[in-house]
Amino acid sequence: MEVTHEDVMRCARLTHLSLGEDEIEPMRQAMTQLLSHARSLDELELDGIEATTHGQTLPLPRREDQPMDGLSQAQALANSPSQEHGHFTVPKVL
């Protein structure tokens, strides 16, 4: 499928891209090449091949949930650039 100058300009408008005149021809060629590649996938013989949602069927690694001690207040605040009364302080946003 050959992409035209108008096709490129329409796609540029739809995607809110500003293309200069020197960018249109390379974009047209790239779009033509991409669509040709996509069209070549139609020629693949896929009869008898089951559709998949994932490329691999390996199980995900799992680990047991183990409760553990968290940080103390002093440890959590140790690297804080600003703290007050045992809490992080941040600039006001509103």
C-alpha atoms as a PDB file:
ATOM      1  CA  MET A   1       0.000   0.000   0.000  1.00  0.00           C
ATOM      2  CA  GLU A   2       1.395   3.341  -1.048  1.00  0.00           C
ATOM      3  CA  VAL A   3       0.939   6.232   1.389  1.00  0.00           C
ATOM      4  CA  THR A   4       0.237   9.600  -0.220  1.00  0.00           C
ATOM      5  CA  HIS A   5       1.226  13.118   0.792  1.00  0.00           C
ATOM      6  CA  GLU A   6      -2.393  13.710   1.851  1.00  0.00           C
ATOM      7  CA  ASP A   7      -2.339  10.581   4.056  1.00  0.00           C
ATOM      8  CA  VAL A   8       0.707  11.898   5.891  1.00  0.00           C
ATOM      9  CA  MET A   9      -0.848  15.324   6.359  1.00  0.00           C
ATOM     10  CA  ARG A  10      -4.103  13.802   7.649  1.00  0.00           C
ATOM     11  CA  CYS A  11      -2.230  11.638  10.161  1.00  0.00           C
ATOM     12  CA  ALA A  12      -0.193  14.667  11.226  1.00  0.00           C
ATOM     13  CA  ARG A  13      -3.372  16.654  11.843  1.00  0.00           C
ATOM     14  CA  LEU A  14      -4.984  13.800  13.782  1.00  0.00           C
ATOM     15  CA  THR A  15      -1.900  13.418  15.995  1.00  0.00           C
ATOM     16  CA  HIS A  16      -1.335  17.177  16.358  1.00  0.00           C
ATOM     17  CA  LEU A  17       2.115  16.967  14.750  1.00  0.00           C
ATOM     18  CA  SER A  18       3.627  19.876  12.893  1.00  0.00           C
ATOM     19  CA  LEU A  19       5.590  18.523   9.943  1.00  0.00           C
ATOM     20  CA  GLY A  20       7.808  20.674   7.798  1.00  0.00           C
ATOM     21  CA  GLU A  21       7.861  20.134   4.024  1.00  0.00           C
ATOM     22  CA  ASP A  22      11.252  18.426   4.345  1.00  0.00           C
ATOM     23  CA  GLU A  23       9.814  15.922   6.857  1.00  0.00           C
ATOM     24  CA  ILE A  24       6.800  14.793   4.836  1.00  0.00           C
ATOM     25  CA  GLU A  25       8.585  12.599   2.268  1.00  0.00           C
ATOM     26  CA  PRO A  26      10.679  10.639   4.823  1.00  0.00           C
ATOM     27  CA  MET A  27       7.534  10.158   6.907  1.00  0.00           C
ATOM     28  CA  ARG A  28       5.611   8.971   3.828  1.00  0.00           C
ATOM     29  CA  GLN A  29       8.324   6.426   3.034  1.00  0.00           C
ATOM     30  CA  ALA A  30       8.456   5.185   6.627  1.00  0.00           C
ATOM     31  CA  MET A  31       4.667   4.819   6.784  1.00  0.00           C
ATOM     32  CA  THR A  32       4.636   2.938   3.456  1.00  0.00           C
ATOM     33  CA  GLN A  33       7.340   0.570   4.719  1.00  0.00           C
ATOM     34  CA  LEU A  34       5.506  -0.023   7.997  1.00  0.00           C
ATOM     35  CA  LEU A  35       2.218  -0.787   6.274  1.00  0.00           C
ATOM     36  CA  SER A  36       3.967  -3.107   3.792  1.00  0.00           C
ATOM     37  CA  HIS A  37       5.477  -5.046   6.666  1.00  0.00           C
ATOM     38  CA  ALA A  38       2.109  -5.267   8.411  1.00  0.00           C
ATOM     39  CA  ARG A  39       0.509  -6.475   5.186  1.00  0.00           C
ATOM     40  CA  SER A  40       3.166  -9.212   4.844  1.00  0.00           C
ATOM     41  CA  LEU A  41       1.889 -10.677   8.129  1.00  0.00           C
ATOM     42  CA  ASP A  42      -1.385 -11.488   6.346  1.00  0.00           C
ATOM     43  CA  GLU A  43       0.508 -14.043   4.237  1.00  0.00           C
ATOM     44  CA  LEU A  44       1.499 -16.184   7.228  1.00  0.00           C
ATOM     45  CA  GLU A  45      -0.117 -19.621   7.447  1.00  0.00           C
ATOM     46  CA  LEU A  46      -1.736 -19.655  10.891  1.00  0.00           C
ATOM     47  CA  ASP A  47      -4.278 -22.459  10.556  1.00  0.00           C
ATOM     48  CA  GLY A  48      -4.233 -24.705  13.621  1.00  0.00           C
ATOM     49  CA  ILE A  49      -2.271 -22.244  15.743  1.00  0.00           C
ATOM     50  CA  GLU A  50      -4.032 -21.370  18.960  1.00  0.00           C
ATOM     51  CA  ALA A  51      -4.297 -17.708  19.870  1.00  0.00           C
ATOM     52  CA  THR A  52      -2.250 -16.673  22.884  1.00  0.00           C
ATOM     53  CA  THR A  53      -2.238 -13.734  25.206  1.00  0.00           C
ATOM     54  CA  HIS A  54       1.354 -14.306  26.373  1.00  0.00           C
ATOM     55  CA  GLY A  55       4.409 -15.521  24.543  1.00  0.00           C
ATOM     56  CA  GLN A  56       5.522 -17.821  27.334  1.00  0.00           C
ATOM     57  CA  THR A  57       3.596 -20.047  29.697  1.00  0.00           C
ATOM     58  CA  LEU A  58       6.195 -20.069  32.463  1.00  0.00           C
ATOM     59  CA  PRO A  59       4.793 -19.669  35.960  1.00  0.00           C
ATOM     60  CA  LEU A  60       5.576 -16.450  37.756  1.00  0.00           C
ATOM     61  CA  PRO A  61       8.090 -16.798  40.576  1.00  0.00           C
ATOM     62  CA  ARG A  62       6.383 -16.662  43.937  1.00  0.00           C
ATOM     63  CA  ARG A  63       7.633 -16.204  47.464  1.00  0.00           C
ATOM     64  CA  GLU A  64       5.989 -16.581  50.799  1.00  0.00           C
ATOM     65  CA  ASP A  65       4.882 -13.376  52.487  1.00  0.00           C
ATOM     66  CA  GLN A  66       7.047 -13.001  55.544  1.00  0.00           C
ATOM     67  CA  PRO A  67       6.241 -10.343  58.142  1.00  0.00           C
ATOM     68  CA  MET A  68       9.264  -8.250  59.034  1.00  0.00           C
ATOM     69  CA  ASP A  69      10.007  -5.206  61.083  1.00  0.00           C
ATOM     70  CA  GLY A  70       9.663  -1.872  59.314  1.00  0.00           C
ATOM     71  CA  LEU A  71      11.744   1.236  59.848  1.00  0.00           C
ATOM     72  CA  SER A  72      11.630   3.065  63.101  1.00  0.00           C
ATOM     73  CA  GLN A  73      10.544   6.705  63.001  1.00  0.00           C
ATOM     74  CA  ALA A  74      14.148   7.816  63.489  1.00  0.00           C
ATOM     75  CA  GLN A  75      15.378   5.600  60.637  1.00  0.00           C
ATOM     76  CA  ALA A  76      12.630   6.824  58.296  1.00  0.00           C
ATOM     77  CA  LEU A  77      13.467  10.469  59.022  1.00  0.00           C
ATOM     78  CA  ALA A  78      17.249  10.000  58.977  1.00  0.00           C
ATOM     79  CA  ASN A  79      17.755  11.152  55.359  1.00  0.00           C
ATOM     80  CA  SER A  80      14.919  13.670  55.287  1.00  0.00           C
ATOM     81  CA  PRO A  81      16.069  17.144  54.268  1.00  0.00           C
ATOM     82  CA  SER A  82      13.368  18.707  56.419  1.00  0.00           C
ATOM     83  CA  GLN A  83      11.446  17.398  59.417  1.00  0.00           C
ATOM     84  CA  GLU A  84       9.506  18.833  62.295  1.00  0.00           C
ATOM     85  CA  HIS A  85       7.966  17.191  65.369  1.00  0.00           C
ATOM     86  CA  GLY A  86       8.812  13.717  64.073  1.00  0.00           C
ATOM     87  CA  HIS A  87       7.204  14.225  60.632  1.00  0.00           C
ATOM     88  CA  PHE A  88       8.422  14.997  57.114  1.00  0.00           C
ATOM     89  CA  THR A  89       7.876  18.626  56.142  1.00  0.00           C
ATOM     90  CA  VAL A  90       7.229  19.617  52.544  1.00  0.00           C
ATOM     91  CA  PRO A  91       6.463  22.937  50.858  1.00  0.00           C
ATOM     92  CA  LYS A  92       2.824  23.979  50.789  1.00  0.00           C
ATOM     93  CA  VAL A  93       1.146  23.217  47.492  1.00  0.00           C
ATOM     94  CA  LEU A  94      -2.125  25.096  47.852  1.00  0.00           C
END
